[in-house]
Amino acid sequence: MVRASDIILILVTILFPPAGAAFVTGCSCDLLINICLTILGYFPGHIHAFWLIYKKMQAEERYGDGGFQYVGNGQYQPLYHNIAQPQPHYGATAA
């Protein structure tokens, strides 16, 4: 599902690919890679930035909105380790 924030992110990336990469990855090695690719050629910077956005959208579908963190190289990990199979809690106490 595409949200308004994703559309704005795509529009920003079309205008300036390093800004889109910065919004997705923060200040990371991927941002430096994107800046170098944009300097070498505007099109490679776009490809890299859109790849990062694609990976972010995949993480949103897999882990839910805000249930993940960026670990580098287009990879995400869940914030909560038991997100795939939550354990039921019966009774008044939770272990």
PDB file of N, CA and C in Angstrom:
ATOM      1  N   MET A   1       0.844  -1.173   0.000  1.00  0.00           N
ATOM      2  CA  MET A   1       0.000   0.000   0.000  1.00  0.00           C
ATOM      3  C   MET A   1       0.892   1.240   0.000  1.00  0.00           C
ATOM      4  N   VAL A   2       0.660   2.123  -0.933  1.00  0.00           N
ATOM      5  CA  VAL A   2       1.458   3.336  -1.055  1.00  0.00           C
ATOM      6  C   VAL A   2       0.766   4.447  -0.274  1.00  0.00           C
ATOM      7  N   ARG A   3       1.539   5.086   0.603  1.00  0.00           N
ATOM      8  CA  ARG A   3       1.006   6.170   1.417  1.00  0.00           C
ATOM      9  C   ARG A   3       1.468   7.504   0.870  1.00  0.00           C
ATOM     10  N   ALA A   4       0.912   8.579   1.389  1.00  0.00           N
ATOM     11  CA  ALA A   4       1.287   9.926   0.953  1.00  0.00           C
ATOM     12  C   ALA A   4       2.754  10.207   1.249  1.00  0.00           C
ATOM     13  N   SER A   5       3.275   9.711   2.367  1.00  0.00           N
ATOM     14  CA  SER A   5       4.681   9.931   2.692  1.00  0.00           C
ATOM     15  C   SER A   5       5.590   9.234   1.685  1.00  0.00           C
ATOM     16  N   ASP A   6       5.170   8.073   1.165  1.00  0.00           N
ATOM     17  CA  ASP A   6       5.959   7.386   0.144  1.00  0.00           C
ATOM     18  C   ASP A   6       5.970   8.168  -1.161  1.00  0.00           C
ATOM     19  N   ILE A   7       4.845   8.765  -1.501  1.00  0.00           N
ATOM     20  CA  ILE A   7       4.767   9.571  -2.727  1.00  0.00           C
ATOM     21  C   ILE A   7       5.668  10.794  -2.613  1.00  0.00           C
ATOM     22  N   ILE A   8       5.653  11.450  -1.463  1.00  0.00           N
ATOM     23  CA  ILE A   8       6.528  12.607  -1.253  1.00  0.00           C
ATOM     24  C   ILE A   8       7.987  12.174  -1.311  1.00  0.00           C
ATOM     25  N   LEU A   9       8.314  11.033  -0.725  1.00  0.00           N
ATOM     26  CA  LEU A   9       9.672  10.515  -0.772  1.00  0.00           C
ATOM     27  C   LEU A   9      10.113  10.254  -2.212  1.00  0.00           C
ATOM     28  N   ILE A  10       9.244   9.711  -3.025  1.00  0.00           N
ATOM     29  CA  ILE A  10       9.561   9.453  -4.427  1.00  0.00           C
ATOM     30  C   ILE A  10       9.759  10.763  -5.182  1.00  0.00           C
ATOM     31  N   LEU A  11       8.923  11.756  -4.933  1.00  0.00           N
ATOM     32  CA  LEU A  11       9.079  13.059  -5.599  1.00  0.00           C
ATOM     33  C   LEU A  11      10.392  13.736  -5.207  1.00  0.00           C
ATOM     34  N   VAL A  12      10.752  13.661  -3.938  1.00  0.00           N
ATOM     35  CA  VAL A  12      12.024  14.225  -3.485  1.00  0.00           C
ATOM     36  C   VAL A  12      13.187  13.492  -4.144  1.00  0.00           C
ATOM     37  N   THR A  13      13.077  12.179  -4.268  1.00  0.00           N
ATOM     38  CA  THR A  13      14.134  11.379  -4.877  1.00  0.00           C
ATOM     39  C   THR A  13      14.290  11.698  -6.357  1.00  0.00           C
ATOM     40  N   ILE A  14      13.200  11.984  -7.032  1.00  0.00           N
ATOM     41  CA  ILE A  14      13.287  12.369  -8.445  1.00  0.00           C
ATOM     42  C   ILE A  14      14.069  13.668  -8.590  1.00  0.00           C
ATOM     43  N   LEU A  15      13.833  14.615  -7.699  1.00  0.00           N
ATOM     44  CA  LEU A  15      14.523  15.903  -7.789  1.00  0.00           C
ATOM     45  C   LEU A  15      15.981  15.812  -7.365  1.00  0.00           C
ATOM     46  N   PHE A  16      16.267  15.093  -6.267  1.00  0.00           N
ATOM     47  CA  PHE A  16      17.625  15.021  -5.737  1.00  0.00           C
ATOM     48  C   PHE A  16      17.801  13.676  -5.039  1.00  0.00           C
ATOM     49  N   PRO A  17      18.384  12.694  -5.721  1.00  0.00           N
ATOM     50  CA  PRO A  17      18.486  11.333  -5.170  1.00  0.00           C
ATOM     51  C   PRO A  17      19.155  11.223  -3.797  1.00  0.00           C
ATOM     52  N   PRO A  18      20.231  11.977  -3.479  1.00  0.00           N
ATOM     53  CA  PRO A  18      20.805  11.834  -2.140  1.00  0.00           C
ATOM     54  C   PRO A  18      19.850  12.228  -1.006  1.00  0.00           C
ATOM     55  N   ALA A  19      18.935  13.143  -1.274  1.00  0.00           N
ATOM     56  CA  ALA A  19      17.963  13.517  -0.239  1.00  0.00           C
ATOM     57  C   ALA A  19      17.031  12.336   0.055  1.00  0.00           C
ATOM     58  N   GLY A  20      16.589  11.643  -0.983  1.00  0.00           N
ATOM     59  CA  GLY A  20      15.751  10.468  -0.774  1.00  0.00           C
ATOM     60  C   GLY A  20      16.492   9.369  -0.035  1.00  0.00           C
ATOM     61  N   ALA A  21      17.765   9.179  -0.393  1.00  0.00           N
ATOM     62  CA  ALA A  21      18.573   8.170   0.295  1.00  0.00           C
ATOM     63  C   ALA A  21      18.783   8.554   1.756  1.00  0.00           C
ATOM     64  N   ALA A  22      18.963   9.841   2.026  1.00  0.00           N
ATOM     65  CA  ALA A  22      19.149  10.295   3.405  1.00  0.00           C
ATOM     66  C   ALA A  22      17.889  10.088   4.233  1.00  0.00           C
ATOM     67  N   PHE A  23      16.721  10.317   3.639  1.00  0.00           N
ATOM     68  CA  PHE A  23      15.471  10.106   4.377  1.00  0.00           C
ATOM     69  C   PHE A  23      15.273   8.641   4.728  1.00  0.00           C
ATOM     70  N   VAL A  24      15.712   7.745   3.863  1.00  0.00           N
ATOM     71  CA  VAL A  24      15.504   6.312   4.084  1.00  0.00           C
ATOM     72  C   VAL A  24      16.557   5.735   5.025  1.00  0.00           C
ATOM     73  N   THR A  25      17.840   6.070   4.803  1.00  0.00           N
ATOM     74  CA  THR A  25      18.920   5.402   5.533  1.00  0.00           C
ATOM     75  C   THR A  25      19.544   6.252   6.627  1.00  0.00           C
ATOM     76  N   GLY A  26      19.278   7.545   6.632  1.00  0.00           N
ATOM     77  CA  GLY A  26      19.952   8.425   7.578  1.00  0.00           C
ATOM     78  C   GLY A  26      21.376   8.674   7.111  1.00  0.00           C
ATOM     79  N   CYS A  27      22.227   9.074   8.013  1.00  0.00           N
ATOM     80  CA  CYS A  27      23.615   9.347   7.683  1.00  0.00           C
ATOM     81  C   CYS A  27      24.382   8.027   7.760  1.00  0.00           C
ATOM     82  N   SER A  28      24.470   7.354   6.623  1.00  0.00           N
ATOM     83  CA  SER A  28      25.101   6.035   6.590  1.00  0.00           C
ATOM     84  C   SER A  28      26.001   5.926   5.373  1.00  0.00           C
ATOM     85  N   CYS A  29      26.611   4.783   5.232  1.00  0.00           N
ATOM     86  CA  CYS A  29      27.473   4.515   4.090  1.00  0.00           C
ATOM     87  C   CYS A  29      26.661   4.544   2.793  1.00  0.00           C
ATOM     88  N   ASP A  30      25.404   4.131   2.852  1.00  0.00           N
ATOM     89  CA  ASP A  30      24.558   4.157   1.659  1.00  0.00           C
ATOM     90  C   ASP A  30      24.326   5.578   1.166  1.00  0.00           C
ATOM     91  N   LEU A  31      24.279   6.534   2.071  1.00  0.00           N
ATOM     92  CA  LEU A  31      24.147   7.932   1.659  1.00  0.00           C
ATOM     93  C   LEU A  31      25.397   8.374   0.909  1.00  0.00           C
ATOM     94  N   LEU A  32      26.565   8.022   1.411  1.00  0.00           N
ATOM     95  CA  LEU A  32      27.812   8.367   0.730  1.00  0.00           C
ATOM     96  C   LEU A  32      27.890   7.703  -0.640  1.00  0.00           C
ATOM     97  N   ILE A  33      27.483   6.454  -0.725  1.00  0.00           N
ATOM     98  CA  ILE A  33      27.458   5.758  -2.008  1.00  0.00           C
ATOM     99  C   ILE A  33      26.528   6.470  -2.979  1.00  0.00           C
ATOM    100  N   ASN A  34      25.367   6.885  -2.495  1.00  0.00           N
ATOM    101  CA  ASN A  34      24.415   7.568  -3.361  1.00  0.00           C
ATOM    102  C   ASN A  34      24.946   8.914  -3.825  1.00  0.00           C
ATOM    103  N   ILE A  35      25.618   9.636  -2.956  1.00  0.00           N
ATOM    104  CA  ILE A  35      26.196  10.922  -3.360  1.00  0.00           C
ATOM    105  C   ILE A  35      27.230  10.695  -4.456  1.00  0.00           C
ATOM    106  N   CYS A  36      28.084   9.693  -4.279  1.00  0.00           N
ATOM    107  CA  CYS A  36      29.099   9.400  -5.302  1.00  0.00           C
ATOM    108  C   CYS A  36      28.462   8.977  -6.622  1.00  0.00           C
ATOM    109  N   LEU A  37      27.431   8.146  -6.561  1.00  0.00           N
ATOM    110  CA  LEU A  37      26.754   7.720  -7.782  1.00  0.00           C
ATOM    111  C   LEU A  37      26.066   8.886  -8.475  1.00  0.00           C
ATOM    112  N   THR A  38      25.509   9.808  -7.711  1.00  0.00           N
ATOM    113  CA  THR A  38      24.855  10.968  -8.301  1.00  0.00           C
ATOM    114  C   THR A  38      25.886  11.891  -8.948  1.00  0.00           C
ATOM    115  N   ILE A  39      27.059  12.021  -8.347  1.00  0.00           N
ATOM    116  CA  ILE A  39      28.117  12.837  -8.942  1.00  0.00           C
ATOM    117  C   ILE A  39      28.611  12.196 -10.237  1.00  0.00           C
ATOM    118  N   LEU A  40      28.776  10.868 -10.224  1.00  0.00           N
ATOM    119  CA  LEU A  40      29.249  10.166 -11.420  1.00  0.00           C
ATOM    120  C   LEU A  40      28.232  10.200 -12.547  1.00  0.00           C
ATOM    121  N   GLY A  41      26.993  10.211 -12.206  1.00  0.00           N
ATOM    122  CA  GLY A  41      25.920  10.263 -13.199  1.00  0.00           C
ATOM    123  C   GLY A  41      24.591  10.331 -12.471  1.00  0.00           C
ATOM    124  N   TYR A  42      23.735  11.194 -12.928  1.00  0.00           N
ATOM    125  CA  TYR A  42      22.468  11.405 -12.231  1.00  0.00           C
ATOM    126  C   TYR A  42      21.618  10.136 -12.219  1.00  0.00           C
ATOM    127  N   PHE A  43      21.644   9.377 -13.304  1.00  0.00           N
ATOM    128  CA  PHE A  43      20.824   8.180 -13.416  1.00  0.00           C
ATOM    129  C   PHE A  43      21.234   7.077 -12.434  1.00  0.00           C
ATOM    130  N   PRO A  44      22.537   6.772 -12.260  1.00  0.00           N
ATOM    131  CA  PRO A  44      22.900   5.752 -11.260  1.00  0.00           C
ATOM    132  C   PRO A  44      22.477   6.128  -9.840  1.00  0.00           C
ATOM    133  N   GLY A  45      22.515   7.425  -9.515  1.00  0.00           N
ATOM    134  CA  GLY A  45      22.029   7.871  -8.214  1.00  0.00           C
ATOM    135  C   GLY A  45      20.548   7.589  -8.034  1.00  0.00           C
ATOM    136  N   HIS A  46      19.776   7.771  -9.110  1.00  0.00           N
ATOM    137  CA  HIS A  46      18.347   7.462  -9.056  1.00  0.00           C
ATOM    138  C   HIS A  46      18.109   5.973  -8.835  1.00  0.00           C
ATOM    139  N   ILE A  47      18.828   5.151  -9.559  1.00  0.00           N
ATOM    140  CA  ILE A  47      18.639   3.703  -9.433  1.00  0.00           C
ATOM    141  C   ILE A  47      18.913   3.264  -8.000  1.00  0.00           C
ATOM    142  N   HIS A  48      20.000   3.739  -7.425  1.00  0.00           N
ATOM    143  CA  HIS A  48      20.346   3.357  -6.056  1.00  0.00           C
ATOM    144  C   HIS A  48      19.312   3.863  -5.056  1.00  0.00           C
ATOM    145  N   ALA A  49      18.883   5.107  -5.193  1.00  0.00           N
ATOM    146  CA  ALA A  49      17.904   5.673  -4.263  1.00  0.00           C
ATOM    147  C   ALA A  49      16.566   4.938  -4.351  1.00  0.00           C
ATOM    148  N   PHE A  50      16.124   4.623  -5.564  1.00  0.00           N
ATOM    149  CA  PHE A  50      14.863   3.908  -5.701  1.00  0.00           C
ATOM    150  C   PHE A  50      14.974   2.470  -5.199  1.00  0.00           C
ATOM    151  N   TRP A  51      16.153   1.868  -5.317  1.00  0.00           N
ATOM    152  CA  TRP A  51      16.365   0.543  -4.752  1.00  0.00           C
ATOM    153  C   TRP A  51      16.233   0.598  -3.230  1.00  0.00           C
ATOM    154  N   LEU A  52      16.808   1.635  -2.598  1.00  0.00           N
ATOM    155  CA  LEU A  52      16.690   1.788  -1.146  1.00  0.00           C
ATOM    156  C   LEU A  52      15.231   1.988  -0.723  1.00  0.00           C
ATOM    157  N   ILE A  53      14.489   2.766  -1.494  1.00  0.00           N
ATOM    158  CA  ILE A  53      13.070   2.982  -1.189  1.00  0.00           C
ATOM    159  C   ILE A  53      12.299   1.674  -1.336  1.00  0.00           C
ATOM    160  N   TYR A  54      12.609   0.911  -2.375  1.00  0.00           N
ATOM    161  CA  TYR A  54      11.958  -0.380  -2.582  1.00  0.00           C
ATOM    162  C   TYR A  54      12.205  -1.317  -1.402  1.00  0.00           C
ATOM    163  N   LYS A  55      13.442  -1.385  -0.923  1.00  0.00           N
ATOM    164  CA  LYS A  55      13.760  -2.239   0.217  1.00  0.00           C
ATOM    165  C   LYS A  55      13.025  -1.773   1.479  1.00  0.00           C
ATOM    166  N   LYS A  56      12.885  -0.446   1.647  1.00  0.00           N
ATOM    167  CA  LYS A  56      12.146   0.088   2.795  1.00  0.00           C
ATOM    168  C   LYS A  56      10.675  -0.312   2.714  1.00  0.00           C
ATOM    169  N   MET A  57      10.094  -0.240   1.526  1.00  0.00           N
ATOM    170  CA  MET A  57       8.690  -0.619   1.369  1.00  0.00           C
ATOM    171  C   MET A  57       8.496  -2.114   1.623  1.00  0.00           C
ATOM    172  N   GLN A  58       9.464  -2.938   1.220  1.00  0.00           N
ATOM    173  CA  GLN A  58       9.389  -4.367   1.528  1.00  0.00           C
ATOM    174  C   GLN A  58       9.423  -4.606   3.038  1.00  0.00           C
ATOM    175  N   ALA A  59      10.276  -3.856   3.744  1.00  0.00           N
ATOM    176  CA  ALA A  59      10.360  -4.005   5.204  1.00  0.00           C
ATOM    177  C   ALA A  59       9.059  -3.572   5.862  1.00  0.00           C
ATOM    178  N   GLU A  60       8.416  -2.528   5.340  1.00  0.00           N
ATOM    179  CA  GLU A  60       7.133  -2.091   5.898  1.00  0.00           C
ATOM    180  C   GLU A  60       6.078  -3.166   5.718  1.00  0.00           C
ATOM    181  N   GLU A  61       6.083  -3.834   4.571  1.00  0.00           N
ATOM    182  CA  GLU A  61       5.112  -4.901   4.353  1.00  0.00           C
ATOM    183  C   GLU A  61       5.394  -6.097   5.255  1.00  0.00           C
ATOM    184  N   ARG A  62       6.653  -6.400   5.472  1.00  0.00           N
ATOM    185  CA  ARG A  62       7.013  -7.578   6.265  1.00  0.00           C
ATOM    186  C   ARG A  62       6.841  -7.351   7.760  1.00  0.00           C
ATOM    187  N   TYR A  63       7.321  -6.207   8.279  1.00  0.00           N
ATOM    188  CA  TYR A  63       7.364  -5.986   9.722  1.00  0.00           C
ATOM    189  C   TYR A  63       6.321  -4.996  10.226  1.00  0.00           C
ATOM    190  N   GLY A  64       5.581  -4.362   9.341  1.00  0.00           N
ATOM    191  CA  GLY A  64       4.603  -3.375   9.755  1.00  0.00           C
ATOM    192  C   GLY A  64       5.232  -1.994   9.821  1.00  0.00           C
ATOM    193  N   ASP A  65       4.396  -0.998   9.939  1.00  0.00           N
ATOM    194  CA  ASP A  65       4.861   0.384   9.949  1.00  0.00           C
ATOM    195  C   ASP A  65       5.621   0.678  11.237  1.00  0.00           C
ATOM    196  N   GLY A  66       6.899   0.995  11.108  1.00  0.00           N
ATOM    197  CA  GLY A  66       7.705   1.337  12.275  1.00  0.00           C
ATOM    198  C   GLY A  66       8.210   0.153  13.067  1.00  0.00           C
ATOM    199  N   GLY A  67       8.003  -1.057  12.611  1.00  0.00           N
ATOM    200  CA  GLY A  67       8.429  -2.243  13.338  1.00  0.00           C
ATOM    201  C   GLY A  67       9.776  -2.771  12.899  1.00  0.00           C
ATOM    202  N   PHE A  68      10.620  -1.908  12.326  1.00  0.00           N
ATOM    203  CA  PHE A  68      11.903  -2.349  11.814  1.00  0.00           C
ATOM    204  C   PHE A  68      12.927  -1.235  11.952  1.00  0.00           C
ATOM    205  N   GLN A  69      14.193  -1.617  11.796  1.00  0.00           N
ATOM    206  CA  GLN A  69      15.254  -0.620  11.782  1.00  0.00           C
ATOM    207  C   GLN A  69      16.232  -0.961  10.671  1.00  0.00           C
ATOM    208  N   TYR A  70      16.862   0.066  10.127  1.00  0.00           N
ATOM    209  CA  TYR A  70      17.806  -0.098   9.031  1.00  0.00           C
ATOM    210  C   TYR A  70      19.154  -0.530   9.587  1.00  0.00           C
ATOM    211  N   VAL A  71      19.736  -1.580   9.005  1.00  0.00           N
ATOM    212  CA  VAL A  71      21.029  -2.071   9.479  1.00  0.00           C
ATOM    213  C   VAL A  71      22.130  -1.908   8.442  1.00  0.00           C
ATOM    214  N   GLY A  72      21.820  -1.365   7.284  1.00  0.00           N
ATOM    215  CA  GLY A  72      22.816  -1.122   6.259  1.00  0.00           C
ATOM    216  C   GLY A  72      22.676  -2.045   5.072  1.00  0.00           C
ATOM    217  N   ASN A  73      23.211  -1.607   3.936  1.00  0.00           N
ATOM    218  CA  ASN A  73      23.218  -2.382   2.702  1.00  0.00           C
ATOM    219  C   ASN A  73      21.810  -2.778   2.255  1.00  0.00           C
ATOM    220  N   GLY A  74      20.849  -1.913   2.478  1.00  0.00           N
ATOM    221  CA  GLY A  74      19.482  -2.202   2.070  1.00  0.00           C
ATOM    222  C   GLY A  74      18.795  -3.260   2.899  1.00  0.00           C
ATOM    223  N   GLN A  75      19.325  -3.588   4.063  1.00  0.00           N
ATOM    224  CA  GLN A  75      18.769  -4.630   4.916  1.00  0.00           C
ATOM    225  C   GLN A  75      18.087  -4.023   6.140  1.00  0.00           C
ATOM    226  N   TYR A  76      17.017  -4.652   6.547  1.00  0.00           N
ATOM    227  CA  TYR A  76      16.265  -4.232   7.721  1.00  0.00           C
ATOM    228  C   TYR A  76      16.111  -5.411   8.656  1.00  0.00           C
ATOM    229  N   GLN A  77      15.954  -5.110   9.936  1.00  0.00           N
ATOM    230  CA  GLN A  77      15.670  -6.154  10.910  1.00  0.00           C
ATOM    231  C   GLN A  77      14.514  -5.692  11.783  1.00  0.00           C
ATOM    232  N   PRO A  78      13.742  -6.643  12.310  1.00  0.00           N
ATOM    233  CA  PRO A  78      12.595  -6.248  13.141  1.00  0.00           C
ATOM    234  C   PRO A  78      13.063  -5.658  14.461  1.00  0.00           C
ATOM    235  N   LEU A  79      12.282  -4.732  14.965  1.00  0.00           N
ATOM    236  CA  LEU A  79      12.564  -4.173  16.285  1.00  0.00           C
ATOM    237  C   LEU A  79      12.226  -5.171  17.375  1.00  0.00           C
ATOM    238  N   TYR A  80      11.230  -5.972  17.128  1.00  0.00           N
ATOM    239  CA  TYR A  80      10.772  -6.947  18.105  1.00  0.00           C
ATOM    240  C   TYR A  80      11.077  -8.330  17.550  1.00  0.00           C
ATOM    241  N   HIS A  81      11.809  -9.141  18.295  1.00  0.00           N
ATOM    242  CA  HIS A  81      12.293 -10.406  17.772  1.00  0.00           C
ATOM    243  C   HIS A  81      11.195 -11.433  17.554  1.00  0.00           C
ATOM    244  N   ASN A  82      10.128 -11.398  18.305  1.00  0.00           N
ATOM    245  CA  ASN A  82       9.046 -12.376  18.156  1.00  0.00           C
ATOM    246  C   ASN A  82       7.870 -11.799  17.387  1.00  0.00           C
ATOM    247  N   ILE A  83       8.130 -10.936  16.417  1.00  0.00           N
ATOM    248  CA  ILE A  83       7.034 -10.301  15.690  1.00  0.00           C
ATOM    249  C   ILE A  83       6.322 -11.288  14.759  1.00  0.00           C
ATOM    250  N   ALA A  84       7.038 -12.298  14.248  1.00  0.00           N
ATOM    251  CA  ALA A  84       6.418 -13.242  13.327  1.00  0.00           C
ATOM    252  C   ALA A  84       5.436 -14.175  14.052  1.00  0.00           C
ATOM    253  N   GLN A  85       5.777 -14.587  15.275  1.00  0.00           N
ATOM    254  CA  GLN A  85       4.920 -15.491  16.020  1.00  0.00           C
ATOM    255  C   GLN A  85       4.788 -15.007  17.463  1.00  0.00           C
ATOM    256  N   PRO A  86       3.877 -14.080  17.707  1.00  0.00           N
ATOM    257  CA  PRO A  86       3.722 -13.612  19.081  1.00  0.00           C
ATOM    258  C   PRO A  86       3.164 -14.718  19.975  1.00  0.00           C
ATOM    259  N   GLN A  87       3.662 -14.789  21.192  1.00  0.00           N
ATOM    260  CA  GLN A  87       3.232 -15.796  22.142  1.00  0.00           C
ATOM    261  C   GLN A  87       1.994 -15.310  22.878  1.00  0.00           C
ATOM    262  N   PRO A  88       0.960 -16.148  22.968  1.00  0.00           N
ATOM    263  CA  PRO A  88      -0.243 -15.748  23.700  1.00  0.00           C
ATOM    264  C   PRO A  88       0.020 -15.733  25.200  1.00  0.00           C
ATOM    265  N   HIS A  89      -0.602 -14.790  25.882  1.00  0.00           N
ATOM    266  CA  HIS A  89      -0.478 -14.689  27.348  1.00  0.00           C
ATOM    267  C   HIS A  89      -1.858 -14.971  27.938  1.00  0.00           C
ATOM    268  N   TYR A  90      -1.941 -16.034  28.704  1.00  0.00           N
ATOM    269  CA  TYR A  90      -3.187 -16.398  29.326  1.00  0.00           C
ATOM    270  C   TYR A  90      -3.148 -15.997  30.817  1.00  0.00           C
ATOM    271  N   GLY A  91      -4.249 -15.543  31.332  1.00  0.00           N
ATOM    272  CA  GLY A  91      -4.320 -15.178  32.730  1.00  0.00           C
ATOM    273  C   GLY A  91      -3.952 -13.725  32.952  1.00  0.00           C
ATOM    274  N   ALA A  92      -3.693 -13.391  34.216  1.00  0.00           N
ATOM    275  CA  ALA A  92      -3.470 -11.987  34.575  1.00  0.00           C
ATOM    276  C   ALA A  92      -2.015 -11.580  34.441  1.00  0.00           C
ATOM    277  N   THR A  93      -1.084 -12.519  34.362  1.00  0.00           N
ATOM    278  CA  THR A  93       0.327 -12.158  34.305  1.00  0.00           C
ATOM    279  C   THR A  93       0.912 -12.545  32.959  1.00  0.00           C
ATOM    280  N   ALA A  94       1.910 -11.798  32.553  1.00  0.00           N
ATOM    281  CA  ALA A  94       2.623 -12.084  31.315  1.00  0.00           C
ATOM    282  C   ALA A  94       4.073 -12.430  31.652  1.00  0.00           C
ATOM    283  N   ALA A  95       4.534 -13.517  31.138  1.00  0.00           N
ATOM    284  CA  ALA A  95       5.909 -13.938  31.430  1.00  0.00           C
ATOM    285  C   ALA A  95       6.880 -13.306  30.479  1.00  0.00           C
TER     286      ALA A  95
END
